[in-house]
Protein backbone atom coordinates (compact mmCIF):
# COMPACT_ATOMS: atom_id res chain seq x y z
CA MET A 1 69.52 68.32 -64.51
CA SER A 2 69.68 64.52 -64.68
CA ILE A 3 67.29 62.70 -66.86
CA PHE A 4 65.45 59.75 -65.43
CA ALA A 5 65.44 56.41 -67.30
CA CYS A 6 63.72 53.54 -65.61
CA ASN A 7 65.92 50.51 -65.09
CA GLY A 8 62.98 48.28 -65.38
CA CYS A 9 61.55 49.33 -68.80
CA GLY A 10 63.59 52.23 -70.03
CA SER A 11 60.72 54.77 -69.86
CA SER A 12 61.49 58.31 -68.86
CA GLU A 13 57.86 59.00 -67.76
CA HIS A 14 57.84 59.15 -64.03
CA ARG A 15 56.08 60.59 -61.00
CA GLU A 16 57.94 62.10 -57.98
CA PHE A 17 57.09 61.28 -54.44
CA PRO A 18 56.47 64.34 -52.15
CA THR A 19 59.66 65.79 -50.76
CA TRP A 20 58.34 65.78 -47.22
CA ILE A 21 58.62 61.97 -47.32
CA THR A 22 61.97 61.58 -49.19
CA GLU A 23 64.23 64.42 -48.26
CA PRO A 24 67.08 64.76 -48.86
CA MET A 25 66.56 62.61 -51.95
CA LYS A 26 64.20 62.44 -54.79
CA VAL A 27 62.27 59.23 -55.20
CA VAL A 28 60.20 58.47 -58.36
CA SER A 29 57.85 55.89 -59.60
CA CYS A 30 57.90 54.80 -63.22
CA CYS A 31 54.55 55.45 -64.84
CA GLN A 32 54.97 52.54 -67.24
CA CYS A 33 56.11 49.61 -65.07
CA GLY A 34 55.73 50.87 -61.54
CA LEU A 35 59.41 50.43 -60.49
CA ILE A 36 60.32 52.85 -57.69
CA ALA A 37 63.84 54.34 -57.87
CA THR A 38 65.77 56.69 -55.76
CA PHE A 39 67.20 59.61 -57.66
CA PRO A 40 69.99 61.01 -55.51
CA GLY A 41 72.12 62.51 -58.22
CA LEU A 42 75.28 61.23 -56.51
CA ASP A 43 78.40 60.24 -58.51
CA GLU A 44 80.07 56.82 -58.11
CA SER A 45 82.79 58.09 -55.79
CA SER A 46 80.24 59.72 -53.36
CA ILE A 47 78.28 56.47 -53.20
CA ASP A 48 81.40 54.49 -52.47
CA GLU A 49 82.34 56.96 -49.76
CA PHE A 50 78.89 56.48 -48.20
CA TYR A 51 79.30 52.73 -48.02
CA LEU A 52 82.82 53.05 -46.60
CA GLU A 53 82.04 55.71 -43.98
CA SER A 54 78.43 56.04 -43.29
CA PHE A 55 76.49 52.81 -44.09
CA ASP A 56 75.57 50.79 -40.97
CA GLY A 57 73.00 48.31 -42.31
CA ASP A 58 75.47 45.37 -42.48
CA PRO A 59 77.37 43.51 -39.86
CA GLY A 60 80.54 44.12 -41.86
CA SER A 61 80.16 47.88 -42.45
CA ALA A 62 82.51 50.32 -40.79
CA ASN A 63 79.88 51.67 -38.40
CA ALA A 64 78.68 48.25 -37.26
CA ASP A 65 80.28 46.43 -34.40
CA HIS A 66 81.55 43.66 -36.71
CA GLU A 67 84.62 42.78 -34.70
CA ARG A 68 82.26 41.65 -31.83
CA LEU A 69 79.66 39.91 -33.99
CA GLU A 70 78.42 37.18 -31.75
CA GLN A 71 77.77 33.60 -32.79
CA THR A 72 74.24 34.14 -31.57
CA GLU A 73 73.57 36.73 -34.47
CA ILE A 74 74.96 34.21 -36.97
CA THR A 75 72.86 31.49 -35.50
CA LYS A 76 69.73 33.79 -35.60
CA ALA A 77 70.39 34.54 -39.42
CA ARG A 78 70.68 30.75 -40.04
CA LEU A 79 67.44 30.01 -38.09
CA GLU A 80 65.54 32.60 -40.09
CA LEU A 81 66.86 31.04 -43.39
CA ASN A 82 65.96 27.53 -42.12
CA GLN A 83 62.45 28.66 -41.22
CA HIS A 84 61.45 30.98 -44.09
CA THR A 85 63.67 30.56 -47.13
CA ILE A 86 65.70 27.27 -47.38
CA PRO A 87 62.66 24.87 -47.39
CA ILE A 88 61.31 26.64 -50.44
CA ILE A 89 64.69 26.69 -52.22
CA GLU A 90 65.05 22.87 -51.60
CA ARG A 91 61.79 22.29 -53.56
CA TRP A 92 63.54 23.43 -56.65
CA VAL A 93 67.37 22.74 -56.19
CA LEU A 94 69.62 20.95 -53.68
CA PRO A 95 73.13 22.25 -52.99
CA LYS A 96 75.02 18.93 -53.30
CA GLY A 97 77.51 19.09 -56.21
CA LYS A 98 76.30 22.54 -57.34
CA ASP A 99 78.71 25.43 -58.23
CA TRP A 100 76.76 27.93 -56.12
CA LEU A 101 77.53 31.68 -55.54
CA GLU A 102 75.84 33.69 -52.80
CA VAL A 103 76.03 37.42 -53.38
CA ARG A 104 76.31 39.76 -50.32
CA PHE A 105 76.54 36.84 -47.89
CA ARG A 106 76.87 39.06 -44.82
CA THR A 107 77.16 36.84 -41.59
CA GLY A 108 77.93 33.73 -43.70
CA ALA A 109 74.90 31.89 -42.50
CA PHE A 110 73.74 30.83 -45.95
CA LEU A 111 77.37 29.89 -46.98
CA GLU A 112 77.38 27.68 -43.92
CA TYR A 113 74.26 25.89 -45.16
CA LEU A 114 75.73 25.49 -48.70
CA VAL A 115 78.96 23.96 -47.30
CA GLU A 116 77.24 21.62 -44.90
CA ASN A 117 75.07 20.38 -47.82
CA GLY A 118 77.81 19.62 -50.25
CA ALA A 119 77.82 22.64 -52.55
CA ASN A 120 80.93 23.87 -54.26
CA ALA A 121 80.22 27.24 -52.59
CA PHE A 122 81.47 30.68 -53.43
CA GLY A 123 80.71 33.98 -51.77
CA ALA A 124 80.81 37.72 -52.83
CA ASP A 125 80.62 40.60 -50.37
CA LEU A 126 81.38 44.30 -50.14
CA PHE A 127 83.05 44.29 -46.73
CA ASP A 128 86.45 42.97 -45.73
CA SER A 129 85.32 41.95 -42.27
CA ASN A 130 82.57 39.66 -43.72
CA ILE A 131 85.12 38.12 -46.06
CA GLN A 132 87.62 37.56 -43.22
CA ARG A 133 85.02 35.86 -41.16
CA ALA A 134 83.92 33.71 -44.10
CA ARG A 135 87.45 32.28 -44.44
CA ALA A 136 86.56 29.83 -41.74
CA LEU A 137 84.11 28.31 -44.28
CA LEU A 138 85.67 28.85 -47.69
CA ALA A 139 89.25 29.21 -49.18
CA ASP A 140 90.34 32.68 -50.26
CA GLN A 141 89.94 31.88 -53.96
CA LYS A 142 86.26 31.30 -53.37
CA LEU A 143 85.64 34.63 -51.75
CA ILE A 144 85.15 37.61 -54.02
CA LYS A 145 85.40 41.30 -52.95
CA THR A 146 82.64 42.98 -54.89
CA THR A 147 81.39 46.60 -55.31
CA VAL A 148 78.00 48.24 -55.34
CA HIS A 149 78.53 49.33 -58.92
CA GLY A 150 80.29 46.43 -60.52
CA LEU A 151 78.84 43.58 -58.37
CA LEU A 152 80.14 40.56 -60.31
CA ASN A 153 81.78 42.24 -63.36
CA GLU A 154 85.22 40.54 -62.72
CA PHE A 155 83.73 37.11 -61.90
CA GLU A 156 83.91 34.64 -64.85
CA ARG A 157 83.54 31.10 -63.45
CA PRO A 158 80.28 29.48 -64.68
CA MET A 159 77.73 28.80 -61.86
CA ASP A 160 74.84 26.51 -61.50
CA VAL A 161 73.09 28.82 -59.05
CA ILE A 162 73.51 32.44 -58.12
CA SER A 163 71.56 33.57 -55.01
CA GLY A 164 71.02 36.63 -52.99
CA VAL A 165 69.05 35.58 -49.83
CA SER A 166 71.23 37.13 -47.11
CA ILE A 167 70.18 40.68 -47.95
CA HIS A 168 67.84 42.24 -50.50
CA VAL A 169 70.49 42.71 -53.13
CA LEU A 170 68.62 44.17 -56.00
CA SER A 171 67.36 47.07 -53.90
CA HIS A 172 71.06 48.01 -53.20
CA LEU A 173 72.11 48.16 -56.87
CA PRO A 174 72.20 51.42 -58.90
CA ASN A 175 71.38 49.45 -61.98
CA PRO A 176 69.76 46.06 -61.29
CA THR A 177 69.08 45.34 -64.92
CA GLU A 178 72.71 45.60 -65.81
CA SER A 179 73.62 43.41 -62.75
CA LEU A 180 71.05 40.83 -63.82
CA GLN A 181 72.61 40.65 -67.27
CA THR A 182 75.99 40.15 -65.59
CA ILE A 183 74.47 37.27 -63.43
CA ARG A 184 72.89 35.78 -66.51
CA SER A 185 76.23 35.72 -68.39
CA ILE A 186 77.83 33.84 -65.47
CA LEU A 187 75.11 31.21 -65.07
CA LYS A 188 75.40 27.89 -66.99
CA ASP A 189 72.65 26.84 -69.38
CA ASP A 190 69.54 26.34 -67.29
CA GLY A 191 71.29 27.83 -64.26
CA LEU A 192 69.08 29.38 -61.53
CA ILE A 193 68.89 32.76 -59.83
CA ILE A 194 67.33 32.88 -56.40
CA ILE A 195 66.52 36.32 -54.97
CA GLU A 196 64.84 37.39 -51.78
CA GLU A 197 63.42 40.97 -51.69
CA LYS A 198 60.96 43.07 -49.82
CA ASP A 199 57.57 44.52 -51.12
CA VAL A 200 57.67 48.27 -50.48
CA THR A 201 53.81 48.45 -50.26
CA LYS A 202 53.54 45.67 -47.63
CA ILE A 203 54.46 47.52 -44.47
CA SER A 204 54.10 45.58 -41.31
CA LYS A 205 52.16 47.03 -38.39
CA GLU A 206 55.21 46.72 -36.25
CA ALA A 207 57.54 48.57 -38.71
CA LYS A 208 60.14 50.68 -37.04
CA THR A 209 61.22 52.49 -40.25
CA LEU A 210 59.30 53.44 -43.38
CA PRO A 211 60.82 52.53 -46.78
CA LEU A 212 61.05 56.03 -48.36
CA SER A 213 62.39 57.70 -45.21
CA HIS A 214 64.82 55.00 -44.17
CA PRO A 215 67.79 56.05 -42.04
CA ASN A 216 70.10 54.97 -44.85
CA PRO A 217 68.13 56.12 -47.88
CA ILE A 218 71.10 56.23 -50.23
CA ALA A 219 71.62 52.52 -49.84
CA HIS A 220 68.21 51.72 -51.37
CA TYR A 221 68.41 52.63 -55.02
CA HIS A 222 65.24 50.80 -55.87
CA HIS A 223 62.09 49.76 -54.13
CA PHE A 224 60.11 46.70 -55.41
CA THR A 225 56.84 45.06 -55.21
CA LEU A 226 56.57 41.40 -55.99
CA THR A 227 55.20 42.20 -59.48
CA THR A 228 57.82 44.84 -60.42
CA CYS A 229 60.68 42.53 -59.26
CA ARG A 230 59.24 39.63 -61.18
CA ASN A 231 58.91 41.72 -64.30
CA LEU A 232 62.59 42.93 -63.97
CA ILE A 233 63.92 39.39 -63.59
CA GLU A 234 61.68 38.02 -66.41
CA GLN A 235 62.74 40.68 -68.82
CA SER A 236 66.37 40.08 -68.00
CA GLY A 237 66.12 36.57 -69.59
CA PHE A 238 64.86 34.20 -66.94
CA GLU A 239 61.88 31.94 -66.69
CA ILE A 240 60.10 32.37 -63.43
CA LEU A 241 59.65 29.16 -61.47
CA TYR A 242 58.52 30.50 -58.19
CA ALA A 243 57.48 34.01 -57.08
CA GLU A 244 55.57 34.35 -53.87
CA TYR A 245 55.40 36.04 -50.54
CA ILE A 246 57.11 34.13 -47.73
CA SER A 247 56.49 34.14 -44.04
CA ARG A 248 59.63 36.20 -43.26
CA ILE A 249 58.69 39.71 -42.25
CA SER A 250 60.88 42.62 -41.02
CA ASP A 251 59.54 46.24 -41.56
CA LEU A 252 58.27 44.92 -44.90
CA HIS A 253 57.00 41.55 -46.12
CA HIS A 254 59.58 39.49 -47.88
CA PHE A 255 59.10 37.54 -51.15
CA LEU A 256 61.26 34.90 -52.86
CA ILE A 257 61.86 34.54 -56.59
CA ILE A 258 63.40 31.50 -58.20
CA ALA A 259 64.07 31.68 -61.97
CA ARG A 260 65.83 29.71 -64.67
CA LYS A 261 68.13 31.19 -67.33
CA SER A 262 66.14 31.14 -70.55
CA ASP A 263 66.49 32.27 -74.12
CA ALA A 264 62.72 32.63 -74.44
CA ILE A 265 61.32 36.04 -74.40
CA ARG A 266 58.76 36.17 -71.62
CA ALA A 267 55.59 38.33 -71.60
CA ARG A 268 55.71 41.17 -69.19
CA ILE A 269 53.01 41.15 -66.46
CA LYS A 270 51.84 44.62 -67.04
CA LEU A 271 50.64 46.67 -64.09
CA SER A 272 47.60 48.71 -64.92
CA LYS A 273 47.77 52.54 -64.57
CA ASP A 274 45.26 52.09 -61.73
CA GLN A 275 47.48 49.61 -59.89
CA ILE A 276 50.56 51.96 -60.24
CA GLU A 277 48.53 54.83 -58.89
CA SER A 278 47.19 52.76 -56.06
CA ASP A 279 50.78 51.57 -55.08
CA PHE A 280 51.91 55.21 -55.18
CA ASN A 281 49.07 56.41 -52.98
CA THR A 282 49.50 53.56 -50.61
CA LEU A 283 53.08 54.59 -49.91
CA VAL A 284 52.24 58.31 -49.62
CA ASN A 285 49.42 57.56 -47.17
CA SER A 286 51.39 55.18 -45.07
CA HIS A 287 54.14 57.86 -44.54
CA ALA A 288 51.50 60.57 -43.88
CA VAL A 289 49.88 58.39 -41.12
CA SER A 290 53.25 57.84 -39.56
CA LYS A 291 53.89 61.65 -39.49
CA LEU A 292 50.58 62.21 -37.76
CA ASN A 293 51.34 59.59 -35.14
């Protein structure tokens, strides 16, 4: 039997969500820091096979119609970024002259923004079709083929900014703490990380899927709230500059975190036991209501 160790705080004390919500997987909540983690018990090769053959949540994935990705979809992604995300980012950093890496760039809409605004832009993605499409924006040496497990392990060039705003990157990582340490090692002194994620407890009334019974559950290794994600980034050696909900809403409410690489040890914003219990019950109840409907 596998032993659970939280990727947020290292604790093994956890609570399991009811199987009627999460089958065929186990999903657990850390009793110490509240981080929610999937517990599939799959080895690395099985997860890689899933992404290559079954995953359809990306325009570049094998089961998506990536060869016929229309310009309207790319334009839509850019408009969403222009409306919800880019104006906030520009309060803290402008692209011009920055060595800037966007992780999991998907349609390339954010890369397009970086290039248009004078960044020395780089892009990393899982899927060949996304990389091939991005060649219209960037030279081959600026496009990195990455993996779910390694993320940026083989990337060494120092960056001013590393962002993940095209998809909720941390949720798709088996070990976000390890990946954040890799990102930190690549960033220059005072470099910035910019992450957009979704709050698992903030389910919109129009949600078509529920977070713990998502059609692609294997893809979501971790589920965050604004607080648990902020804690994870802070404890990985970053000073939080901005951490707020933004107006972008899909099935869940999105939030944006901007943080600076720092050698200072930050104090963890501890969730109370009552808050962890409340978040757990919120998720169970939301799935129960959906079952009844």
